[in-house]
Amino acid sequence: MCLSMIESAPADTAEGADRILEWLACEPADDPLADLGVLAALVAWLPVARAEARDGDMVLAFVERALDISGRIRARLLAAGLPLPRILHVASTQFCGALLQLADRLGERAAAGIEGAGEGSAPAALALTALREAYLVSAMSAAEPPAGLWKLAHRLSALRPAHGAYRSMLAIAAAQPERLTARELVWTADYLEGELAGVEMSPDAPPQGSSTWWIDPDADGGPLPSARKPPPLDRAGLRFLNPRPLARAVDERIERLEAWMSAAEAEGHLAEVDTLEAGGETLPPGLTPSEILALLRGMREHWVAPQLRLGVRREQHYEVQVCAGLRAMWELGRGRRESGRVVGWQVRNESPGGYAIMNVSGVQGEVAPGIVLGLRKSATEPWTVCIVRWVRSESPEQVEIGLQTIAHSYYSVQLGFRSGSVNGVAPALALPPMEPERRHPAFVAPAGTYVSRRFVFVRDGPPLYVAQGRALGLDMQTASVELFQYEIDPYPI
């Protein structure tokens, strides 16, 4: 019944306000995509110039309904894989556009000097909250934020320079959201709510050589690391973000979690830990302790020392065979048939450290930041083993991913750790040394496999090979896999 109110555009602003109030009085639709259609149609009729009490209450209720819709769309995104189903891709794009339009309307109220009843209901604050939500939904969809989002956020932040939503956007952007899964993005946004005091901004240029990010408030873009792209010396009005206070807070959190997990490992029950209840930490739910540690370490690294590209990227256009997922690669290594596991992709560019590729014949298996992926030019060549560093998907039919090479060959093994899981073994890919990045052989295994120093690994052969190894510490950990070097244990037990 409530959907019939948008069949025709309201004749005037007063009629539009009445329709908005009628919609707000209705219960939210069971399907958030149905509510999204009404939101997108009615956002243009929010009052701008009037400061009446009724208008302020209506605007606040409208924003609350928009955030409710966002929470339910986020839940859909958490359950979906990439590339998104067409209906969800279209919905997330439409929703982010509606939030941008909502923020723009709220910005007009702020420019007109209209204030809310409290700090959280001020139009500029509400607008920044809407923009943060649009940015997060875009990142969860592996898409670019809508055009104009950052430029509006920079303008509104001048009215609310210390507002948490804007600082949260900056911190997430500096953590390179395209390298995070949807689960990691939601956790990061929730975590940053309690750490925003560490996001320091200044109009003054930092000392030469210090680790900072810079923002051009007149540009439609997020913060840029000075290490990758120095700020223009002749540009006035730049803002600078110092990530070190935030990184120090993360360091303290990492130290406490590491100490707790070391104690759990010493007691022999690290593999059983899947919550933080015993850790005494006030952290958002949704990730295991090992996932949280990997995420915090990665965020700290990107804030303070963003990776620099090694070597020149060369534009290329040739097709390759791709097998996505550790399990699929492991099965191929054990002689399973390639049918259904290997599909064609196209290389867009390459460098000594990796590739950027785009799908050309559909996607088989999971595609997400942090997974293992195999790549080769033809069936006669060995597989190059890579980690997916980032994922972008601007349309439901197309995915572009960035790859970091971790080996130029592999074989399949099974790992068994002391204090490991009930099943006793985990599939893994054995990687040869790769100088200069890695001097020792390594294993890449499902995240959470590495729970003690000593382990046994089995290669089926022929011939059958069984050995005890000693892990040399984690080299890399993502939401999906972990990579660690090892040596054959000279004192097996």
Protein backbone atom coordinates (compact mmCIF):
# COMPACT_ATOMS: atom_id res chain seq x y z
CA MET A 1 0.00 0.00 0.00
CA CYS A 2 2.81 2.42 0.85
CA LEU A 3 4.45 1.93 -2.56
CA SER A 4 1.53 3.55 -4.40
CA MET A 5 2.54 6.96 -3.08
CA ILE A 6 5.39 7.27 -5.60
CA GLU A 7 3.47 6.54 -8.78
CA SER A 8 3.55 10.23 -9.64
CA ALA A 9 5.82 13.06 -8.52
CA PRO A 10 4.45 15.35 -5.81
CA ALA A 11 3.06 18.60 -7.14
CA ASP A 12 4.91 20.70 -4.53
CA THR A 13 7.29 20.41 -1.59
CA ALA A 14 4.49 20.29 0.95
CA GLU A 15 2.87 17.36 -0.83
CA GLY A 16 6.27 15.67 -1.05
CA ALA A 17 6.76 16.10 2.71
CA ASP A 18 3.34 14.53 3.31
CA ARG A 19 4.27 11.53 1.21
CA ILE A 20 7.57 11.16 3.05
CA LEU A 21 5.74 11.20 6.39
CA GLU A 22 3.27 8.63 5.09
CA TRP A 23 6.15 6.36 4.01
CA LEU A 24 7.94 6.77 7.33
CA ALA A 25 4.75 5.79 9.14
CA CYS A 26 4.71 2.46 7.29
CA GLU A 27 6.62 -0.57 8.52
CA PRO A 28 9.80 -1.22 6.52
CA ALA A 29 9.25 -3.58 3.60
CA ASP A 30 10.35 -7.17 4.05
CA ASP A 31 12.56 -6.77 1.00
CA PRO A 32 15.04 -3.88 1.46
CA LEU A 33 15.21 -3.48 -2.31
CA ALA A 34 11.52 -2.48 -2.33
CA ASP A 35 12.16 0.16 0.33
CA LEU A 36 15.17 1.32 -1.68
CA GLY A 37 12.96 2.22 -4.63
CA VAL A 38 10.79 4.46 -2.44
CA LEU A 39 13.84 6.04 -0.80
CA ALA A 40 15.36 6.92 -4.16
CA ALA A 41 12.09 8.44 -5.37
CA LEU A 42 11.37 10.54 -2.27
CA VAL A 43 14.82 11.82 -1.35
CA ALA A 44 14.47 14.75 -3.77
CA TRP A 45 11.45 16.00 -1.78
CA LEU A 46 13.21 16.48 1.53
CA PRO A 47 12.72 20.10 2.65
CA VAL A 48 15.80 22.27 2.27
CA ALA A 49 15.07 25.87 3.19
CA ARG A 50 12.62 25.49 6.09
CA ALA A 51 13.74 25.09 9.69
CA GLU A 52 10.40 23.98 11.12
CA ALA A 53 10.47 21.41 13.93
CA ARG A 54 8.38 18.98 11.88
CA ASP A 55 10.89 19.16 9.05
CA GLY A 56 13.83 18.45 11.35
CA ASP A 57 12.12 15.39 12.85
CA MET A 58 11.17 14.17 9.39
CA VAL A 59 14.72 14.55 8.03
CA LEU A 60 16.17 12.69 11.02
CA ALA A 61 13.61 9.88 10.63
CA PHE A 62 14.35 9.75 6.89
CA VAL A 63 18.08 9.30 7.55
CA GLU A 64 17.35 6.60 10.13
CA ARG A 65 15.22 4.71 7.58
CA ALA A 66 18.01 5.04 5.01
CA LEU A 67 20.52 3.59 7.49
CA ASP A 68 18.12 0.75 8.27
CA ILE A 69 17.94 -0.06 4.55
CA SER A 70 21.72 0.10 4.40
CA GLY A 71 22.09 -2.40 7.22
CA ARG A 72 19.89 -4.88 5.39
CA ILE A 73 21.67 -4.34 2.05
CA ARG A 74 24.96 -4.83 3.84
CA ALA A 75 23.68 -8.18 5.12
CA ARG A 76 22.91 -9.18 1.51
CA LEU A 77 26.41 -8.15 0.43
CA LEU A 78 27.99 -10.18 3.23
CA ALA A 79 26.22 -13.29 1.96
CA ALA A 80 26.99 -12.70 -1.73
CA GLY A 81 30.15 -13.48 -3.68
CA LEU A 82 31.85 -11.53 -6.44
CA PRO A 83 30.79 -10.68 -9.03
CA LEU A 84 27.49 -9.71 -7.43
CA PRO A 85 24.21 -10.98 -8.84
CA ARG A 86 22.83 -8.39 -11.24
CA ILE A 87 19.87 -7.44 -9.03
CA LEU A 88 22.15 -6.82 -6.04
CA HIS A 89 24.73 -4.92 -8.09
CA VAL A 90 22.03 -2.62 -9.48
CA ALA A 91 20.53 -2.16 -6.02
CA SER A 92 23.83 -1.25 -4.34
CA THR A 93 24.63 1.23 -7.13
CA GLN A 94 21.17 2.80 -6.89
CA PHE A 95 21.36 2.92 -3.09
CA CYS A 96 24.75 4.64 -3.05
CA GLY A 97 23.43 7.21 -5.53
CA ALA A 98 20.40 7.83 -3.32
CA LEU A 99 22.63 8.29 -0.26
CA LEU A 100 24.76 10.77 -2.17
CA GLN A 101 21.63 12.70 -3.16
CA LEU A 102 20.45 12.57 0.47
CA ALA A 103 23.78 13.94 1.68
CA ASP A 104 23.59 16.70 -0.91
CA ARG A 105 20.10 17.71 0.30
CA LEU A 106 21.33 17.71 3.89
CA GLY A 107 24.30 19.81 2.83
CA GLU A 108 21.91 22.37 1.38
CA ARG A 109 20.12 22.53 4.75
CA ALA A 110 23.47 23.05 6.46
CA ALA A 111 24.39 25.81 3.99
CA ALA A 112 21.06 27.49 4.76
CA GLY A 113 22.08 27.67 8.42
CA ILE A 114 19.55 25.07 9.63
CA GLU A 115 20.74 23.11 12.66
CA GLY A 116 19.30 20.03 14.34
CA ALA A 117 18.27 19.62 17.94
CA GLY A 118 21.58 17.98 18.87
CA GLU A 119 25.08 17.28 17.57
CA GLY A 120 24.06 14.03 15.90
CA SER A 121 21.04 15.60 14.16
CA ALA A 122 22.89 18.53 12.57
CA PRO A 123 22.43 18.37 8.76
CA ALA A 124 26.18 18.33 8.06
CA ALA A 125 26.71 15.49 10.55
CA LEU A 126 23.83 13.48 9.09
CA ALA A 127 25.17 14.09 5.59
CA LEU A 128 28.62 12.78 6.49
CA THR A 129 27.05 9.71 8.08
CA ALA A 130 25.14 9.05 4.84
CA LEU A 131 28.32 9.48 2.78
CA ARG A 132 30.25 7.10 5.01
CA GLU A 133 27.54 4.50 4.51
CA ALA A 134 27.60 5.00 0.73
CA TYR A 135 31.38 4.63 0.73
CA LEU A 136 31.22 1.43 2.76
CA VAL A 137 28.49 -0.14 0.60
CA SER A 138 30.46 0.74 -2.55
CA ALA A 139 33.60 -0.85 -1.10
CA MET A 140 31.68 -3.99 -0.09
CA SER A 141 30.43 -4.19 -3.68
CA ALA A 142 34.03 -3.90 -5.00
CA ALA A 143 32.95 -0.77 -6.87
CA GLU A 144 34.17 2.80 -7.00
CA PRO A 145 32.17 5.25 -4.86
CA PRO A 146 29.67 7.42 -6.76
CA ALA A 147 31.14 10.41 -8.56
CA GLY A 148 31.12 13.47 -6.33
CA LEU A 149 31.10 11.56 -3.02
CA TRP A 150 34.57 12.56 -1.84
CA LYS A 151 34.24 16.15 -3.03
CA LEU A 152 31.00 16.55 -1.04
CA ALA A 153 32.56 14.86 1.99
CA HIS A 154 35.52 17.26 1.92
CA ARG A 155 33.17 20.25 1.68
CA LEU A 156 30.93 19.07 4.52
CA SER A 157 33.91 18.25 6.72
CA ALA A 158 34.76 21.95 6.77
CA LEU A 159 31.50 22.40 8.70
CA ARG A 160 32.17 19.39 10.95
CA PRO A 161 35.97 18.95 10.89
CA ALA A 162 36.07 16.48 13.80
CA HIS A 163 33.09 14.38 12.74
CA GLY A 164 33.72 10.66 13.15
CA ALA A 165 32.11 9.56 9.88
CA TYR A 166 34.53 11.63 7.79
CA ARG A 167 37.58 10.48 9.74
CA SER A 168 36.34 6.89 9.46
CA MET A 169 36.14 7.28 5.67
CA LEU A 170 39.72 8.56 5.58
CA ALA A 171 41.04 5.70 7.73
CA ILE A 172 39.22 3.05 5.67
CA ALA A 173 40.46 4.60 2.42
CA ALA A 174 44.04 4.61 3.71
CA ALA A 175 43.69 0.89 4.55
CA GLN A 176 43.05 0.16 0.83
CA PRO A 177 39.49 -1.23 1.04
CA GLU A 178 39.73 -3.06 -2.30
CA ARG A 179 42.08 -5.56 -0.62
CA LEU A 180 39.52 -6.38 2.09
CA THR A 181 36.59 -8.79 2.00
CA ALA A 182 33.08 -7.57 2.82
CA ARG A 183 33.36 -9.15 6.29
CA GLU A 184 36.65 -7.40 6.93
CA LEU A 185 35.26 -4.06 5.75
CA VAL A 186 32.29 -4.24 8.12
CA TRP A 187 34.54 -5.21 11.03
CA THR A 188 37.00 -2.43 10.19
CA ALA A 189 34.26 0.20 10.11
CA ASP A 190 32.91 -0.98 13.47
CA TYR A 191 36.39 -1.13 14.99
CA LEU A 192 37.29 2.38 13.87
CA GLU A 193 34.27 3.79 15.71
CA GLY A 194 36.28 3.36 18.93
CA GLU A 195 39.66 4.45 17.56
CA LEU A 196 38.90 7.65 15.68
CA ALA A 197 40.72 9.81 18.24
CA GLY A 198 43.89 8.55 16.57
CA VAL A 199 42.95 9.95 13.15
CA GLU A 200 44.77 13.29 13.24
CA MET A 201 44.46 15.90 10.52
CA SER A 202 46.37 19.12 9.98
CA PRO A 203 46.59 21.88 7.36
CA ASP A 204 50.36 22.01 7.85
CA ALA A 205 52.71 20.04 5.63
CA PRO A 206 54.64 17.36 7.58
CA PRO A 207 58.44 17.18 7.77
CA GLN A 208 60.11 15.79 4.67
CA GLY A 209 60.24 12.00 4.67
CA SER A 210 57.57 11.42 7.33
CA SER A 211 54.75 8.93 6.78
CA THR A 212 51.63 10.95 5.93
CA TRP A 213 48.68 11.04 3.61
CA TRP A 214 47.43 14.17 1.90
CA ILE A 215 43.97 15.29 0.80
CA ASP A 216 42.99 17.80 -1.85
CA PRO A 217 39.62 19.14 -0.64
CA ASP A 218 38.79 20.43 -4.12
CA ALA A 219 39.27 17.01 -5.74
CA ASP A 220 36.87 14.09 -5.86
CA GLY A 221 39.20 11.58 -4.25
CA GLY A 222 40.31 10.17 -0.92
CA PRO A 223 43.67 10.49 0.85
CA LEU A 224 46.86 9.77 -1.08
CA PRO A 225 50.09 8.46 0.50
CA SER A 226 52.97 10.88 0.22
CA ALA A 227 55.34 7.93 -0.30
CA ARG A 228 53.60 7.02 -3.56
CA LYS A 229 52.60 10.46 -4.79
CA PRO A 230 54.14 13.53 -3.14
CA PRO A 231 51.74 16.43 -2.57
CA PRO A 232 52.05 19.30 -5.07
CA LEU A 233 54.21 22.03 -3.58
CA ASP A 234 52.29 24.85 -5.25
CA ARG A 235 48.82 23.69 -4.13
CA ALA A 236 47.25 25.69 -1.30
CA GLY A 237 44.57 24.35 1.02
CA LEU A 238 45.77 20.75 1.25
CA ARG A 239 45.03 18.72 4.37
CA PHE A 240 47.38 16.15 5.86
CA LEU A 241 46.54 12.94 7.68
CA ASN A 242 49.01 11.56 10.20
CA PRO A 243 48.34 7.81 10.64
CA ARG A 244 50.92 7.17 13.35
CA PRO A 245 48.72 7.83 16.44
CA LEU A 246 46.13 5.42 15.04
CA ALA A 247 48.86 2.91 14.19
CA ARG A 248 50.19 3.11 17.78
CA ALA A 249 46.73 2.28 19.14
CA VAL A 250 46.56 -0.68 16.77
CA ASP A 251 50.06 -1.78 17.85
CA GLU A 252 48.93 -1.93 21.47
CA ARG A 253 45.90 -3.97 20.50
CA ILE A 254 48.05 -6.36 18.46
CA GLU A 255 50.47 -6.86 21.35
CA ARG A 256 47.67 -7.79 23.74
CA LEU A 257 46.07 -10.18 21.25
CA GLU A 258 49.42 -11.81 20.44
CA ALA A 259 50.15 -12.33 24.12
CA TRP A 260 46.74 -13.89 24.68
CA MET A 261 47.04 -16.15 21.62
CA SER A 262 50.57 -17.23 22.65
CA ALA A 263 49.20 -18.26 26.02
CA ALA A 264 46.42 -20.19 24.27
CA GLU A 265 49.00 -21.91 22.05
CA ALA A 266 51.14 -22.83 25.07
CA GLU A 267 48.09 -24.38 26.72
CA GLY A 268 47.37 -26.37 23.56
CA HIS A 269 43.93 -25.02 22.70
CA LEU A 270 44.63 -22.26 20.17
CA ALA A 271 42.82 -24.19 17.43
CA GLU A 272 39.66 -24.20 19.56
CA VAL A 273 39.59 -20.41 20.00
CA ASP A 274 37.03 -18.71 17.78
CA THR A 275 35.84 -15.80 19.92
CA LEU A 276 37.42 -13.04 21.95
CA GLU A 277 35.45 -13.66 25.12
CA ALA A 278 38.50 -14.91 26.99
CA GLY A 279 40.77 -12.23 25.64
CA GLY A 280 39.38 -9.34 27.65
CA GLU A 281 39.15 -7.27 24.47
CA THR A 282 36.25 -5.02 23.52
CA LEU A 283 36.28 -5.73 19.81
CA PRO A 284 33.45 -6.03 17.29
CA PRO A 285 32.18 -9.54 16.53
CA GLY A 286 32.38 -11.22 13.15
CA LEU A 287 36.03 -12.32 12.89
CA THR A 288 38.14 -14.88 14.72
CA PRO A 289 41.22 -13.72 16.70
CA SER A 290 43.63 -14.90 13.99
CA GLU A 291 41.60 -13.05 11.34
CA ILE A 292 41.60 -9.92 13.50
CA LEU A 293 45.36 -10.07 13.99
CA ALA A 294 45.95 -10.44 10.25
CA LEU A 295 43.59 -7.55 9.51
CA LEU A 296 45.10 -5.23 12.13
CA ARG A 297 48.63 -5.94 10.95
CA GLY A 298 47.61 -5.23 7.35
CA MET A 299 45.86 -1.98 8.25
CA ARG A 300 48.83 -0.76 10.26
CA GLU A 301 51.16 -1.57 7.38
CA HIS A 302 49.06 0.28 4.82
CA TRP A 303 48.61 3.32 7.06
CA VAL A 304 52.28 3.74 7.96
CA ALA A 305 54.16 2.13 5.07
CA PRO A 306 51.92 1.64 2.02
CA GLN A 307 53.36 -0.84 -0.46
CA LEU A 308 55.30 0.70 -3.31
CA ARG A 309 55.05 -0.87 -6.73
CA LEU A 310 58.25 -2.72 -7.60
CA GLY A 311 58.97 -2.60 -11.31
CA VAL A 312 57.07 -0.99 -14.14
CA ARG A 313 53.59 -2.25 -15.03
CA ARG A 314 53.50 -3.15 -18.71
CA GLU A 315 50.18 -3.08 -20.53
CA GLN A 316 49.40 -6.48 -22.00
CA HIS A 317 46.53 -8.19 -23.80
CA TYR A 318 46.74 -11.98 -23.83
CA GLU A 319 44.61 -14.76 -22.48
CA VAL A 320 45.58 -17.04 -19.61
CA GLN A 321 44.08 -20.01 -17.85
CA VAL A 322 42.98 -19.37 -14.25
CA CYS A 323 42.08 -21.68 -11.39
CA ALA A 324 40.67 -19.83 -8.37
CA GLY A 325 40.79 -21.11 -4.81
CA LEU A 326 43.23 -23.12 -2.71
CA ARG A 327 41.03 -26.23 -2.69
CA ALA A 328 40.69 -26.18 -6.50
CA MET A 329 44.45 -25.73 -6.91
CA TRP A 330 45.13 -28.49 -4.39
CA GLU A 331 42.83 -30.89 -6.25
CA LEU A 332 44.55 -30.10 -9.56
CA GLY A 333 47.88 -30.85 -7.92
CA ARG A 334 46.55 -34.26 -6.91
CA GLY A 335 45.63 -35.10 -10.48
CA ARG A 336 41.94 -34.16 -10.54
CA ARG A 337 40.39 -33.19 -13.88
CA GLU A 338 40.52 -29.51 -14.87
CA SER A 339 36.95 -29.42 -16.20
CA GLY A 340 34.92 -26.90 -14.19
CA ARG A 341 37.99 -25.57 -12.39
CA VAL A 342 39.91 -23.75 -15.13
CA VAL A 343 38.53 -20.78 -17.08
CA GLY A 344 39.93 -18.13 -19.41
CA TRP A 345 40.91 -14.64 -18.22
CA GLN A 346 42.74 -11.79 -19.93
CA VAL A 347 45.90 -10.15 -18.65
CA ARG A 348 45.53 -6.34 -18.56
CA ASN A 349 49.02 -5.53 -17.32
CA GLU A 350 51.92 -7.24 -15.61
CA SER A 351 55.04 -6.45 -13.62
CA PRO A 352 57.82 -8.54 -12.05
CA GLY A 353 55.67 -8.92 -8.93
CA GLY A 354 52.26 -9.77 -10.35
CA TYR A 355 49.41 -9.16 -12.76
CA ALA A 356 46.09 -7.41 -13.25
CA ILE A 357 43.61 -9.67 -15.02
CA MET A 358 39.97 -9.49 -16.13
CA ASN A 359 37.49 -12.31 -16.65
CA VAL A 360 36.45 -13.10 -20.21
CA SER A 361 34.46 -16.33 -19.88
CA GLY A 362 32.69 -16.24 -16.55
CA VAL A 363 33.99 -16.87 -13.05
CA GLN A 364 34.51 -20.31 -11.53
CA GLY A 365 35.03 -20.60 -7.78
CA GLU A 366 35.29 -17.88 -5.18
CA VAL A 367 36.84 -14.54 -6.15
CA ALA A 368 37.70 -12.40 -3.14
CA PRO A 369 40.69 -10.49 -1.79
CA GLY A 370 43.19 -12.78 -0.10
CA ILE A 371 42.44 -16.06 -1.91
CA VAL A 372 44.96 -18.22 -3.78
CA LEU A 373 44.76 -18.26 -7.56
CA GLY A 374 46.72 -20.17 -10.19
CA LEU A 375 47.61 -18.68 -13.58
CA ARG A 376 49.31 -20.11 -16.68
CA LYS A 377 49.50 -19.27 -20.38
CA SER A 378 48.83 -22.81 -21.60
CA ALA A 379 48.31 -26.35 -20.35
CA THR A 380 51.94 -27.19 -21.12
CA GLU A 381 53.28 -24.64 -18.60
CA PRO A 382 53.42 -24.92 -14.80
CA TRP A 383 51.01 -22.92 -12.67
CA THR A 384 52.12 -19.57 -11.29
CA VAL A 385 50.71 -19.32 -7.77
CA CYS A 386 49.34 -15.90 -6.78
CA ILE A 387 47.49 -14.15 -3.98
CA VAL A 388 44.56 -11.91 -4.94
CA ARG A 389 45.51 -8.46 -3.62
CA TRP A 390 42.45 -6.50 -4.75
CA VAL A 391 39.15 -6.96 -6.54
CA ARG A 392 37.15 -4.42 -8.56
CA SER A 393 33.79 -5.03 -10.16
CA GLU A 394 32.08 -2.12 -11.90
CA SER A 395 29.47 -4.34 -13.58
CA PRO A 396 27.84 -7.63 -12.58
CA GLU A 397 29.39 -9.42 -15.55
CA GLN A 398 32.95 -8.27 -15.09
CA VAL A 399 35.64 -8.59 -12.42
CA GLU A 400 39.17 -7.20 -12.44
CA ILE A 401 41.68 -8.49 -9.90
CA GLY A 402 45.24 -7.66 -8.91
CA LEU A 403 47.61 -10.55 -8.25
CA GLN A 404 50.85 -10.90 -6.30
CA THR A 405 53.07 -13.75 -7.44
CA ILE A 406 54.21 -16.04 -4.60
CA ALA A 407 55.61 -19.04 -6.57
CA HIS A 408 56.20 -20.26 -10.10
CA SER A 409 55.33 -23.89 -9.32
CA TYR A 410 53.80 -25.97 -6.53
CA TYR A 411 52.75 -29.44 -5.43
CA SER A 412 49.90 -30.55 -3.18
CA VAL A 413 50.42 -31.81 0.38
CA GLN A 414 48.47 -32.42 3.55
CA LEU A 415 49.50 -30.74 6.82
CA GLY A 416 48.96 -31.91 10.36
CA PHE A 417 49.82 -29.60 13.27
CA ARG A 418 50.15 -30.43 16.93
CA SER A 419 47.08 -29.09 18.75
CA GLY A 420 45.40 -28.90 15.36
CA SER A 421 41.84 -29.50 14.31
CA VAL A 422 39.83 -32.65 15.00
CA ASN A 423 40.19 -33.68 11.36
CA GLY A 424 43.94 -33.71 11.84
CA VAL A 425 45.02 -32.59 8.35
CA ALA A 426 44.60 -29.57 6.10
CA PRO A 427 45.18 -29.20 2.34
CA ALA A 428 48.14 -27.01 1.41
CA LEU A 429 50.30 -26.01 -1.53
CA ALA A 430 54.04 -26.55 -1.15
CA LEU A 431 56.03 -23.68 -2.70
CA PRO A 432 59.74 -23.67 -3.59
CA PRO A 433 62.03 -20.84 -2.41
CA MET A 434 61.69 -17.64 -4.42
CA GLU A 435 64.72 -15.40 -4.05
CA PRO A 436 65.03 -12.68 -2.93
CA GLU A 437 61.56 -12.61 -1.32
CA ARG A 438 61.74 -16.07 0.24
CA ARG A 439 64.88 -18.06 1.02
CA HIS A 440 63.15 -21.18 2.35
CA PRO A 441 60.41 -23.42 0.99
CA ALA A 442 56.93 -22.50 2.16
CA PHE A 443 53.38 -23.72 2.50
CA VAL A 444 50.20 -21.82 1.75
CA ALA A 445 47.30 -23.29 3.72
CA PRO A 446 43.82 -22.29 4.91
CA ALA A 447 43.84 -19.44 7.43
CA GLY A 448 44.09 -20.79 10.97
CA THR A 449 46.05 -23.92 10.04
CA TYR A 450 49.32 -22.75 11.61
CA VAL A 451 48.81 -23.34 15.36
CA SER A 452 52.24 -24.55 16.52
CA ARG A 453 55.88 -24.66 15.42
CA ARG A 454 56.06 -28.36 14.58
CA PHE A 455 53.93 -30.16 12.05
CA VAL A 456 53.88 -33.18 9.77
CA PHE A 457 53.30 -33.00 6.04
CA VAL A 458 52.48 -35.73 3.56
CA ARG A 459 52.94 -35.83 -0.20
CA ASP A 460 51.01 -38.71 -1.72
CA GLY A 461 53.54 -39.26 -4.45
CA PRO A 462 54.52 -41.51 -6.04
CA PRO A 463 56.56 -42.10 -4.04
CA LEU A 464 54.82 -41.35 -0.74
CA TYR A 465 56.77 -38.77 1.27
CA VAL A 466 56.24 -38.01 4.97
CA ALA A 467 58.31 -35.54 6.99
CA GLN A 468 58.20 -33.38 10.09
CA GLY A 469 58.70 -29.68 9.54
CA ARG A 470 59.44 -26.69 11.72
CA ALA A 471 57.63 -23.45 10.83
CA LEU A 472 59.72 -20.30 10.69
CA GLY A 473 56.86 -17.87 11.32
CA LEU A 474 54.01 -16.42 9.28
CA ASP A 475 55.03 -14.46 6.21
CA MET A 476 51.51 -13.57 5.09
CA GLN A 477 48.00 -14.01 6.40
CA THR A 478 44.72 -13.07 4.75
CA ALA A 479 41.09 -13.83 5.51
CA SER A 480 41.39 -17.03 3.46
CA VAL A 481 44.96 -18.32 3.61
CA GLU A 482 48.28 -18.03 5.36
CA LEU A 483 51.80 -18.50 4.04
CA PHE A 484 54.74 -19.60 6.19
CA GLN A 485 58.28 -20.72 5.47
CA TYR A 486 59.60 -23.91 7.01
CA GLU A 487 62.57 -26.24 7.28
CA ILE A 488 62.76 -29.98 7.79
CA ASP A 489 62.91 -30.52 11.56
CA PRO A 490 66.36 -31.94 12.45
CA TYR A 491 64.98 -33.29 15.74
CA PRO A 492 61.65 -34.97 14.90
CA ILE A 493 59.49 -36.20 17.74
